[in-house]
Amino acid sequence: MSVTVFDPRIDTTDTSSTAETTLAAQAATALEESHSAAAPVKKVFVTTQGCQMNVYDSDKMLDVLGDSHGMQVTHDIDEADVLLMNTCSIREKAQEKVFSELGRWRKLKEKRPDLVIGVGGCVASQEGDNIQKRAPYVDMVFGPQTLHRLPELYDQSNEQKGIAPKNRIGTIDISFPSIEKFDFLPEPKVEGYKAFVSIMEGCSKYCSFCVVPYTRGEELSRPLDDVLAEIDNLAEQGVREINLLGQNVNGYRGEKDDGSICRFAELLHYVSHVDGVERIRYTTSHPLEFTDDIIDAYAQLPELVSHLHLPVQSGSNAILAAMKRNHTIDVYIDQINKLKAIRPDIHLSSDFIIGFPGETDQDFQDTLNLAKELNFDHSYSFIYSKRPGTPAAELPDDVSFTTKKERLAEFQKVIIDSTLQKTREMVGTTTRVLVEQVADRHPDCLLGTADNTRTVMFPFEEAQKDELLGKLVSVRITDFVSPHMVKGELVEVLA
């Protein structure tokens, strides 16, 4: 590269001065070019524990780092520049599982000292600076409500590179800044035809076994306009199914632009009117908030899928009282019966805790009887595990582990049998399906999801692919494939 520099202070007959000036100019130009050249793209790896809320939060972590620092997602941990662990504290010994995984990550950091490690989510909220005390190689600790501050935490951690871990200033933010995070998240980016939308944070129910109020804070609802703007944006990107999220989603109380409050049933009506949205799901609900106006929405909104996840936790009123659920089994059954009168084809799923302190043989039998009576489609059922800091942790855990395991196995068999029966009963019926992709193992077939969460596979002609992907179609079910999958034939395109 040749550069000519004119400077009246330089005698152009002095070849050495000219050479030095030319070299200096060349160096300056090269430096400028190096600064303008794009820096290598950083890659971020995320591992997610827990519920759909954590899945949603993990996606937002990737969004904020992509938006602020141009980072790209990688599924190969060995090529990542940033490792993020989004944690869940719902199970026993969740903290130890986190530290066990961090021990494996430590070896990666020993090989690559510039690797940035962050821990977020509910365990981070519970443990706080104890994470960096026990694992000083962790660079960032953040709670569910402060994930939007990741770019700032990342920059702070970079500023301390080269400083011994014991001398670093901890980059920890586990505060509860109201609903602030949603104001700082970038526009949602999606691939595919389904998306989660978080409409509220936290929970105020304070069930005796649950850590959520302590790790995510009290219930706070996003303003109605903010929720609808996010859904509008997703629909414009081709999303056809919206899954509304919250720890207690049907407790939504979002402020409208006139200062009045929008309840959950009203929100469902608003979402159903967003152009492009063809199906609506939501999770997770609380029986105390499953009000008649929500049940009535199932009669008025065909967009609402014929599937409801309504956690009950136990079939025993005595255990429900000990859990501080503040509802009874009679109330729960009455709600379900009202819904079935409107939607006879409704599919139900629920959460169950088996072996809660004080659970007798009769209490467990009541739970088993409830599962049989309501014929649940599937369930998330677990052995009770003590969560530090919750009221139930002070109760004597008087059900032996052997008994808990036996009861859980007996309970899950009832649910599995119900799942199989309901899937087999689909054969010969016609069901609504959102078409999502070409089947990996059967490239002559398309895959989609039915209202009742079953995967549906059906053959197609190549010329139909673009016409069918992302559409709601009617499929006649012809074959049982597995407990959660069936095969069928296309009947018609619905929307």
Protein backbone atom coordinates (compact mmCIF):
# COMPACT_ATOMS: atom_id res chain seq x y z
CA MET A 1 0.00 0.00 0.00
CA SER A 2 1.42 3.41 -1.02
CA VAL A 3 0.55 6.57 0.90
CA THR A 4 1.67 10.11 0.06
CA VAL A 5 1.66 12.61 2.89
CA PHE A 6 2.13 16.37 2.36
CA ASP A 7 3.55 18.28 5.30
CA PRO A 8 5.15 21.74 4.73
CA ARG A 9 7.45 21.14 7.72
CA ILE A 10 9.15 18.24 5.95
CA ASP A 11 11.98 18.73 3.47
CA THR A 12 11.07 16.40 0.63
CA THR A 13 14.74 16.11 -0.38
CA ASP A 14 15.42 14.23 2.85
CA THR A 15 14.59 10.68 1.85
CA SER A 16 14.87 9.32 5.37
CA SER A 17 12.19 11.75 6.67
CA THR A 18 9.94 10.91 3.77
CA ALA A 19 10.35 7.19 4.42
CA GLU A 20 9.59 7.57 8.14
CA THR A 21 6.52 9.69 7.39
CA THR A 22 5.28 7.18 4.85
CA LEU A 23 5.76 4.29 7.28
CA ALA A 24 3.97 6.22 10.03
CA ALA A 25 1.08 6.93 7.71
CA GLN A 26 0.92 3.31 6.68
CA ALA A 27 0.87 2.20 10.30
CA ALA A 28 -1.89 4.70 11.13
CA THR A 29 -3.97 3.51 8.19
CA ALA A 30 -3.47 -0.14 9.15
CA LEU A 31 -4.49 0.63 12.72
CA GLU A 32 -7.60 2.40 11.52
CA GLU A 33 -8.50 -0.53 9.30
CA SER A 34 -7.98 -3.00 12.15
CA HIS A 35 -10.31 -1.02 14.37
CA SER A 36 -12.98 -0.87 11.68
CA ALA A 37 -12.70 -4.58 10.92
CA ALA A 38 -15.44 -6.64 12.45
CA ALA A 39 -14.40 -8.34 15.70
CA PRO A 40 -14.85 -12.11 15.84
CA VAL A 41 -18.46 -12.97 16.62
CA LYS A 42 -18.90 -14.17 20.18
CA LYS A 43 -20.94 -17.31 20.74
CA VAL A 44 -23.22 -18.05 23.69
CA PHE A 45 -24.36 -21.41 25.05
CA VAL A 46 -27.40 -21.67 27.35
CA THR A 47 -28.57 -24.63 29.40
CA THR A 48 -32.10 -24.38 30.81
CA GLN A 49 -33.65 -26.09 33.79
CA GLY A 50 -37.30 -26.01 34.82
CA CYS A 51 -40.54 -24.75 33.41
CA GLN A 52 -41.75 -22.92 30.31
CA MET A 53 -41.07 -19.61 32.08
CA ASN A 54 -37.40 -20.55 32.20
CA VAL A 55 -37.46 -21.54 28.53
CA TYR A 56 -38.93 -18.12 27.74
CA ASP A 57 -36.31 -16.38 29.91
CA SER A 58 -33.48 -18.28 28.23
CA ASP A 59 -34.68 -17.13 24.83
CA LYS A 60 -34.68 -13.55 26.12
CA MET A 61 -31.12 -13.93 27.43
CA LEU A 62 -30.03 -14.89 23.94
CA ASP A 63 -32.02 -11.99 22.48
CA VAL A 64 -30.46 -9.31 24.71
CA LEU A 65 -26.89 -10.52 24.13
CA GLY A 66 -27.53 -10.82 20.41
CA ASP A 67 -29.03 -7.35 20.28
CA SER A 68 -26.36 -5.64 22.41
CA HIS A 69 -23.20 -7.54 21.48
CA GLY A 70 -24.07 -9.35 18.27
CA MET A 71 -23.62 -12.75 19.93
CA GLN A 72 -24.74 -15.87 18.17
CA VAL A 73 -26.27 -18.98 19.72
CA THR A 74 -24.27 -22.18 19.73
CA HIS A 75 -25.27 -25.67 20.81
CA ASP A 76 -21.61 -26.72 21.05
CA ILE A 77 -20.32 -25.89 24.52
CA ASP A 78 -16.72 -26.23 23.39
CA GLU A 79 -16.96 -23.34 20.94
CA ALA A 80 -18.84 -20.97 23.24
CA ASP A 81 -17.38 -17.70 24.55
CA VAL A 82 -20.18 -17.31 27.09
CA LEU A 83 -21.83 -20.07 29.13
CA LEU A 84 -25.17 -19.33 30.79
CA MET A 85 -27.02 -21.62 33.19
CA ASN A 86 -30.69 -20.75 33.72
CA THR A 87 -31.59 -22.53 36.94
CA CYS A 88 -34.73 -23.83 38.63
CA SER A 89 -35.11 -24.47 42.36
CA ILE A 90 -38.37 -26.40 42.36
CA ARG A 91 -36.72 -29.75 43.11
CA GLU A 92 -34.72 -30.93 46.11
CA LYS A 93 -30.97 -30.43 45.97
CA ALA A 94 -31.34 -28.06 43.02
CA GLN A 95 -28.42 -26.00 44.32
CA GLU A 96 -26.11 -28.99 44.45
CA LYS A 97 -26.99 -29.92 40.88
CA VAL A 98 -26.07 -26.38 39.85
CA PHE A 99 -22.70 -26.54 41.60
CA SER A 100 -22.06 -29.99 40.15
CA GLU A 101 -22.57 -28.64 36.63
CA LEU A 102 -20.46 -25.59 37.45
CA GLY A 103 -17.66 -27.95 38.48
CA ARG A 104 -17.65 -29.33 34.93
CA TRP A 105 -17.67 -25.81 33.52
CA ARG A 106 -14.70 -24.90 35.70
CA LYS A 107 -12.53 -27.31 33.71
CA LEU A 108 -13.52 -25.51 30.51
CA LYS A 109 -12.55 -22.18 32.04
CA GLU A 110 -9.19 -23.53 33.15
CA LYS A 111 -8.47 -24.32 29.50
CA ARG A 112 -9.95 -21.02 28.26
CA PRO A 113 -9.55 -18.28 30.89
CA ASP A 114 -11.45 -15.74 28.75
CA LEU A 115 -14.60 -17.88 28.94
CA VAL A 116 -17.41 -15.96 30.68
CA ILE A 117 -19.73 -17.97 32.94
CA GLY A 118 -23.10 -16.71 34.15
CA VAL A 119 -25.73 -18.24 36.46
CA GLY A 120 -29.30 -16.98 36.31
CA GLY A 121 -32.78 -18.05 37.35
CA CYS A 122 -34.29 -19.12 40.65
CA VAL A 123 -31.26 -20.80 42.25
CA ALA A 124 -29.27 -17.64 41.48
CA SER A 125 -32.00 -15.62 43.18
CA GLN A 126 -31.87 -17.87 46.24
CA GLU A 127 -28.13 -18.28 46.53
CA GLY A 128 -26.96 -14.76 45.59
CA ASP A 129 -23.28 -14.09 46.21
CA ASN A 130 -22.88 -17.57 47.70
CA ILE A 131 -22.52 -18.81 44.12
CA GLN A 132 -19.42 -16.73 43.54
CA LYS A 133 -18.10 -17.65 46.99
CA ARG A 134 -18.39 -21.37 46.28
CA ALA A 135 -17.51 -21.06 42.59
CA PRO A 136 -15.31 -17.94 42.24
CA TYR A 137 -14.79 -18.63 38.54
CA VAL A 138 -18.44 -17.64 37.91
CA ASP A 139 -18.43 -14.16 36.39
CA MET A 140 -22.10 -13.16 36.59
CA VAL A 141 -25.07 -13.98 38.83
CA PHE A 142 -28.51 -12.63 37.94
CA GLY A 143 -32.12 -13.32 38.88
CA PRO A 144 -35.19 -13.88 36.70
CA GLN A 145 -36.14 -10.21 36.93
CA THR A 146 -32.71 -8.86 35.94
CA LEU A 147 -31.83 -10.89 32.87
CA HIS A 148 -32.24 -7.72 30.78
CA ARG A 149 -29.12 -6.37 32.53
CA LEU A 150 -26.96 -9.18 31.15
CA PRO A 151 -25.12 -6.91 28.66
CA GLU A 152 -24.07 -4.61 31.51
CA LEU A 153 -23.00 -7.55 33.68
CA TYR A 154 -21.08 -9.02 30.77
CA ASP A 155 -19.19 -5.74 30.20
CA GLN A 156 -18.39 -5.49 33.91
CA SER A 157 -17.02 -9.02 33.95
CA ASN A 158 -14.83 -8.26 30.94
CA GLU A 159 -13.38 -5.23 32.69
CA GLN A 160 -12.11 -7.52 35.45
CA LYS A 161 -10.33 -10.02 33.25
CA GLY A 162 -6.87 -10.78 34.55
CA ILE A 163 -7.82 -9.98 38.14
CA ALA A 164 -7.57 -12.90 40.53
CA PRO A 165 -11.07 -14.23 41.39
CA LYS A 166 -10.61 -13.43 45.10
CA ASN A 167 -9.94 -9.78 44.26
CA ARG A 168 -12.81 -9.30 41.81
CA ILE A 169 -15.84 -7.18 42.52
CA GLY A 170 -18.80 -9.53 42.21
CA THR A 171 -21.13 -8.89 39.27
CA ILE A 172 -24.34 -9.91 40.98
CA ASP A 173 -27.85 -8.58 40.39
CA ILE A 174 -30.71 -10.56 41.92
CA SER A 175 -32.98 -7.63 42.69
CA PHE A 176 -36.72 -7.45 41.95
CA PRO A 177 -37.09 -4.31 39.81
CA SER A 178 -40.85 -4.60 39.30
CA ILE A 179 -41.76 -5.43 35.70
CA GLU A 180 -38.85 -3.40 34.36
CA LYS A 181 -37.18 -6.17 32.39
CA PHE A 182 -39.90 -6.21 29.73
CA ASP A 183 -39.22 -2.54 28.97
CA PHE A 184 -35.62 -3.34 28.03
CA LEU A 185 -36.00 -6.57 26.09
CA PRO A 186 -35.48 -6.37 22.31
CA GLU A 187 -38.24 -7.17 19.84
CA PRO A 188 -38.99 -10.91 19.93
CA LYS A 189 -37.40 -13.06 17.24
CA VAL A 190 -38.83 -16.47 16.48
CA GLU A 191 -38.40 -19.41 14.17
CA GLY A 192 -41.47 -21.49 13.61
CA TYR A 193 -45.15 -20.98 14.16
CA LYS A 194 -45.50 -21.14 17.96
CA ALA A 195 -44.26 -18.74 20.63
CA PHE A 196 -44.40 -18.14 24.37
CA VAL A 197 -45.40 -14.73 25.69
CA SER A 198 -44.87 -13.93 29.36
CA ILE A 199 -47.76 -11.80 30.64
CA MET A 200 -46.83 -11.61 34.32
CA GLU A 201 -44.09 -12.40 36.81
CA GLY A 202 -44.05 -13.90 40.28
CA CYS A 203 -46.74 -15.39 42.48
CA SER A 204 -48.61 -14.21 45.57
CA LYS A 205 -50.29 -17.48 46.53
CA TYR A 206 -47.56 -18.66 48.93
CA CYS A 207 -48.32 -22.38 48.79
CA SER A 208 -46.43 -23.93 51.69
CA PHE A 209 -44.18 -26.07 49.46
CA CYS A 210 -43.29 -23.49 46.80
CA VAL A 211 -40.24 -21.23 46.46
CA VAL A 212 -41.53 -19.13 43.56
CA PRO A 213 -42.73 -16.13 45.62
CA TYR A 214 -39.26 -15.96 47.17
CA THR A 215 -37.28 -16.37 43.94
CA ARG A 216 -39.48 -14.46 41.47
CA GLY A 217 -41.32 -12.10 43.80
CA GLU A 218 -44.95 -11.07 44.10
CA GLU A 219 -47.39 -11.16 41.18
CA LEU A 220 -46.84 -8.32 38.71
CA SER A 221 -48.76 -8.12 35.44
CA ARG A 222 -47.48 -6.51 32.26
CA PRO A 223 -49.60 -3.68 30.85
CA LEU A 224 -52.14 -4.86 28.30
CA ASP A 225 -50.72 -2.77 25.45
CA ASP A 226 -47.23 -4.23 25.98
CA VAL A 227 -48.53 -7.80 25.83
CA LEU A 228 -50.58 -7.15 22.70
CA ALA A 229 -47.68 -5.34 21.00
CA GLU A 230 -45.43 -8.37 21.54
CA ILE A 231 -48.10 -10.74 20.20
CA ASP A 232 -48.69 -8.45 17.22
CA ASN A 233 -44.98 -8.54 16.43
CA LEU A 234 -44.90 -12.34 16.67
CA ALA A 235 -47.95 -12.72 14.44
CA GLU A 236 -46.29 -10.52 11.80
CA GLN A 237 -43.34 -12.97 11.88
CA GLY A 238 -45.68 -15.87 11.08
CA VAL A 239 -46.51 -17.15 14.57
CA ARG A 240 -49.92 -18.79 14.62
CA GLU A 241 -50.06 -20.20 18.15
CA ILE A 242 -49.51 -18.08 21.27
CA ASN A 243 -48.85 -19.67 24.66
CA LEU A 244 -49.45 -17.15 27.46
CA LEU A 245 -47.11 -17.67 30.41
CA GLY A 246 -47.12 -16.87 34.10
CA GLN A 247 -46.61 -18.60 37.43
CA ASN A 248 -50.30 -17.89 37.99
CA VAL A 249 -51.34 -16.88 34.50
CA ASN A 250 -55.07 -16.65 35.10
CA GLY A 251 -54.39 -14.16 37.89
CA TYR A 252 -53.39 -11.60 35.23
CA ARG A 253 -54.41 -8.03 36.10
CA GLY A 254 -52.85 -5.85 33.41
CA GLU A 255 -53.32 -2.11 33.30
CA LYS A 256 -55.06 -0.64 30.23
CA ASP A 257 -54.12 2.71 28.71
CA ASP A 258 -57.08 4.35 30.49
CA GLY A 259 -55.90 3.10 33.88
CA SER A 260 -58.53 0.38 34.25
CA ILE A 261 -57.59 -3.27 34.80
CA CYS A 262 -57.79 -6.06 32.25
CA ARG A 263 -58.52 -9.48 33.73
CA PHE A 264 -57.31 -12.72 32.17
CA ALA A 265 -60.58 -13.67 30.44
CA GLU A 266 -60.68 -10.26 28.77
CA LEU A 267 -57.07 -10.65 27.67
CA LEU A 268 -57.99 -13.92 25.95
CA HIS A 269 -60.58 -12.03 23.89
CA TYR A 270 -58.04 -9.36 22.94
CA VAL A 271 -55.48 -11.98 21.85
CA SER A 272 -58.08 -13.83 19.77
CA HIS A 273 -58.57 -10.66 17.70
CA VAL A 274 -54.88 -10.28 16.76
CA ASP A 275 -54.58 -10.90 13.03
CA GLY A 276 -52.76 -14.15 12.36
CA VAL A 277 -53.28 -15.75 15.78
CA GLU A 278 -55.23 -18.95 15.24
CA ARG A 279 -54.61 -20.85 18.50
CA ILE A 280 -54.21 -19.81 22.13
CA ARG A 281 -52.76 -21.81 25.01
CA TYR A 282 -51.77 -20.74 28.51
CA THR A 283 -49.90 -22.12 31.49
CA THR A 284 -49.83 -22.40 34.38
CA SER A 285 -53.14 -21.79 36.18
CA HIS A 286 -54.37 -21.81 39.75
CA PRO A 287 -57.84 -23.13 40.66
CA LEU A 288 -58.51 -20.05 42.80
CA GLU A 289 -58.30 -17.88 39.69
CA PHE A 290 -60.08 -20.22 37.27
CA THR A 291 -63.23 -18.10 37.26
CA ASP A 292 -66.50 -18.44 35.37
CA ASP A 293 -65.57 -15.73 32.86
CA ILE A 294 -62.56 -17.83 31.82
CA ILE A 295 -64.78 -20.90 31.47
CA ASP A 296 -67.24 -18.85 29.38
CA ALA A 297 -64.38 -17.87 27.05
CA TYR A 298 -64.19 -21.50 25.91
CA ALA A 299 -67.73 -21.14 24.55
CA GLN A 300 -66.90 -17.91 22.74
CA LEU A 301 -63.35 -18.33 21.44
CA PRO A 302 -62.59 -21.15 19.00
CA GLU A 303 -58.94 -20.03 19.15
CA LEU A 304 -58.69 -21.46 22.67
CA VAL A 305 -57.42 -25.02 22.37
CA SER A 306 -59.37 -27.87 23.92
CA HIS A 307 -56.68 -28.52 26.45
CA LEU A 308 -56.32 -27.14 29.98
CA HIS A 309 -53.43 -27.50 32.40
CA LEU A 310 -54.84 -26.81 35.89
CA PRO A 311 -52.57 -27.93 38.76
CA VAL A 312 -54.41 -29.52 41.68
CA GLN A 313 -51.39 -31.04 43.55
CA SER A 314 -53.45 -33.52 45.63
CA GLY A 315 -56.85 -35.19 45.76
CA SER A 316 -57.05 -34.89 49.54
CA ASN A 317 -58.62 -31.86 51.20
CA ALA A 318 -56.45 -32.41 54.28
CA ILE A 319 -53.29 -32.29 52.21
CA LEU A 320 -54.53 -29.30 50.20
CA ALA A 321 -55.04 -27.46 53.49
CA ALA A 322 -51.50 -28.33 54.61
CA MET A 323 -50.23 -27.13 51.24
CA LYS A 324 -52.13 -23.83 51.73
CA ARG A 325 -53.75 -24.21 48.34
CA ASN A 326 -56.93 -22.51 49.63
CA HIS A 327 -59.29 -24.56 47.47
CA THR A 328 -61.04 -27.87 47.97
CA ILE A 329 -61.48 -30.86 45.71
CA ASP A 330 -65.22 -30.17 45.37
CA VAL A 331 -64.47 -26.71 43.99
CA TYR A 332 -61.90 -28.13 41.57
CA ILE A 333 -64.25 -30.84 40.27
CA ASP A 334 -67.07 -28.31 39.90
CA GLN A 335 -64.84 -26.09 37.76
CA ILE A 336 -63.90 -29.00 35.51
CA ASN A 337 -67.51 -30.11 35.13
CA LYS A 338 -68.56 -26.59 34.10
CA LEU A 339 -65.81 -26.57 31.48
CA LYS A 340 -66.73 -30.02 30.18
CA ALA A 341 -70.33 -28.88 29.73
CA ILE A 342 -69.02 -26.21 27.34
CA ARG A 343 -66.18 -28.22 25.77
CA PRO A 344 -66.99 -31.94 25.99
CA ASP A 345 -63.75 -32.71 24.12
CA ILE A 346 -61.54 -30.87 26.62
CA HIS A 347 -58.28 -32.63 27.53
CA LEU A 348 -56.95 -32.08 31.06
CA SER A 349 -53.48 -32.15 32.55
CA SER A 350 -52.35 -31.29 36.04
CA ASP A 351 -49.52 -31.22 38.60
CA PHE A 352 -49.35 -33.63 41.54
CA ILE A 353 -47.06 -33.85 44.56
CA ILE A 354 -46.90 -37.37 45.99
CA GLY A 355 -45.82 -38.04 49.57
CA PHE A 356 -46.37 -34.57 51.04
CA PRO A 357 -45.71 -34.47 54.82
CA GLY A 358 -48.60 -36.12 56.63
CA GLU A 359 -49.98 -37.90 53.55
CA THR A 360 -51.78 -41.02 54.75
CA ASP A 361 -52.77 -44.06 52.73
CA GLN A 362 -56.28 -42.59 52.51
CA ASP A 363 -54.96 -39.20 51.34
CA PHE A 364 -53.08 -40.94 48.56
CA GLN A 365 -56.13 -43.02 47.67
CA ASP A 366 -58.13 -39.78 47.36
CA THR A 367 -55.53 -38.52 44.88
CA LEU A 368 -55.66 -41.76 42.94
CA ASN A 369 -59.48 -41.62 42.85
CA LEU A 370 -59.39 -38.03 41.56
CA ALA A 371 -57.06 -39.00 38.72
CA LYS A 372 -59.39 -41.84 37.74
CA GLU A 373 -62.56 -39.72 38.04
CA LEU A 374 -61.32 -36.81 35.94
CA ASN A 375 -59.39 -39.04 33.55
CA PHE A 376 -56.41 -36.72 33.17
CA ASP A 377 -54.70 -36.73 29.84
CA HIS A 378 -51.23 -36.46 31.34
CA SER A 379 -49.58 -35.03 34.44
CA TYR A 380 -46.40 -33.64 35.92
CA SER A 381 -46.13 -35.71 39.07
CA PHE A 382 -43.24 -35.78 41.52
CA ILE A 383 -42.24 -37.08 44.89
CA TYR A 384 -42.38 -34.30 47.49
CA SER A 385 -39.00 -32.70 48.14
CA LYS A 386 -38.29 -30.19 50.87
CA ARG A 387 -37.43 -26.68 49.67
CA PRO A 388 -35.39 -24.60 52.13
CA GLY A 389 -37.11 -21.44 53.24
CA THR A 390 -40.66 -22.68 52.63
CA PRO A 391 -43.18 -23.31 55.46
CA ALA A 392 -43.51 -26.97 54.48
CA ALA A 393 -39.78 -27.44 55.11
CA GLU A 394 -40.57 -27.16 58.84
CA LEU A 395 -43.08 -30.03 58.71
CA PRO A 396 -41.92 -33.52 59.68
CA ASP A 397 -41.24 -35.41 56.44
CA ASP A 398 -42.91 -38.54 57.80
CA VAL A 399 -43.58 -40.47 54.58
CA SER A 400 -40.73 -42.86 53.85
CA PHE A 401 -38.91 -42.55 50.56
CA THR A 402 -39.82 -46.15 49.70
CA THR A 403 -43.51 -45.38 50.23
CA LYS A 404 -43.24 -42.21 48.14
CA LYS A 405 -41.70 -44.15 45.25
CA GLU A 406 -44.32 -46.87 45.41
CA ARG A 407 -47.16 -44.35 45.46
CA LEU A 408 -45.68 -42.36 42.60
CA ALA A 409 -45.33 -45.48 40.45
CA GLU A 410 -48.93 -46.49 41.16
CA PHE A 411 -50.19 -42.99 40.41
CA GLN A 412 -48.21 -42.60 37.19
CA LYS A 413 -49.49 -45.93 35.90
CA VAL A 414 -53.04 -44.57 36.15
CA ILE A 415 -52.03 -41.48 34.16
CA ILE A 416 -50.08 -43.48 31.56
CA ASP A 417 -53.02 -45.81 31.02
CA SER A 418 -55.27 -42.78 30.56
CA THR A 419 -52.86 -41.22 28.06
CA LEU A 420 -52.73 -44.42 26.02
CA GLN A 421 -56.49 -44.79 26.04
CA LYS A 422 -57.08 -41.20 24.91
CA THR A 423 -54.50 -41.43 22.14
CA ARG A 424 -55.96 -44.68 20.83
CA GLU A 425 -59.44 -43.13 20.92
CA MET A 426 -58.25 -40.50 18.44
CA VAL A 427 -58.17 -43.12 15.68
CA GLY A 428 -61.18 -42.59 13.44
CA THR A 429 -61.73 -38.99 14.60
CA THR A 430 -60.85 -35.72 12.91
CA THR A 431 -58.67 -33.21 14.74
CA ARG A 432 -57.31 -29.69 14.25
CA VAL A 433 -53.56 -29.55 13.67
CA LEU A 434 -51.03 -26.73 13.36
CA VAL A 435 -48.58 -27.87 10.66
CA GLU A 436 -45.01 -27.13 11.72
CA GLN A 437 -42.37 -29.05 9.78
CA VAL A 438 -41.37 -31.90 7.50
CA ALA A 439 -40.74 -35.07 9.50
CA ASP A 440 -37.00 -35.79 9.81
CA ARG A 441 -37.35 -39.55 9.50
CA HIS A 442 -40.27 -39.48 7.08
CA PRO A 443 -39.58 -36.72 4.51
CA ASP A 444 -42.82 -37.56 2.72
CA CYS A 445 -44.80 -36.56 5.84
CA LEU A 446 -45.54 -33.33 7.66
CA LEU A 447 -45.67 -32.98 11.45
CA GLY A 448 -47.94 -30.79 13.51
CA THR A 449 -49.52 -30.45 16.94
CA ALA A 450 -53.14 -31.19 17.76
CA ASP A 451 -55.10 -29.14 20.30
CA ASN A 452 -54.62 -31.95 22.83
CA THR A 453 -50.77 -31.69 22.44
CA ARG A 454 -50.42 -34.93 20.43
CA THR A 455 -47.97 -34.89 17.53
CA VAL A 456 -49.77 -35.68 14.27
CA MET A 457 -48.01 -36.97 11.15
CA PHE A 458 -49.61 -37.11 7.71
CA PRO A 459 -48.36 -37.62 4.12
CA PHE A 460 -48.19 -34.73 1.65
CA GLU A 461 -47.17 -33.92 -1.91
CA GLU A 462 -44.08 -31.73 -2.33
CA ALA A 463 -46.13 -29.13 -4.19
CA GLN A 464 -48.32 -28.74 -1.09
CA LYS A 465 -45.52 -27.96 1.36
CA ASP A 466 -45.54 -24.17 1.20
CA GLU A 467 -49.33 -24.15 1.19
CA LEU A 468 -49.53 -26.26 4.36
CA LEU A 469 -46.64 -25.15 6.61
CA GLY A 470 -47.87 -22.77 9.27
CA LYS A 471 -51.52 -23.52 8.54
CA LEU A 472 -54.27 -25.01 10.65
CA VAL A 473 -55.58 -28.12 8.96
CA SER A 474 -58.09 -30.85 9.65
CA VAL A 475 -56.60 -34.35 9.80
CA ARG A 476 -58.48 -37.64 10.05
CA ILE A 477 -56.53 -39.93 12.39
CA THR A 478 -55.90 -43.39 10.96
CA ASP A 479 -53.17 -44.96 13.11
CA PHE A 480 -51.79 -45.02 16.66
CA VAL A 481 -48.00 -44.54 16.63
CA SER A 482 -47.07 -43.95 20.29
CA PRO A 483 -48.68 -42.56 23.46
CA HIS A 484 -48.09 -39.01 22.22
CA MET A 485 -48.13 -39.46 18.45
CA VAL A 486 -50.66 -40.49 15.80
CA LYS A 487 -50.78 -40.67 12.02
CA GLY A 488 -53.53 -39.49 9.72
CA GLU A 489 -54.70 -38.11 6.39
CA LEU A 490 -55.23 -34.49 5.42
CA VAL A 491 -58.90 -33.53 5.13
CA GLU A 492 -58.81 -29.78 4.53
CA VAL A 493 -56.99 -26.53 5.24
CA LEU A 494 -58.80 -24.56 7.93
CA ALA A 495 -56.81 -21.33 8.18
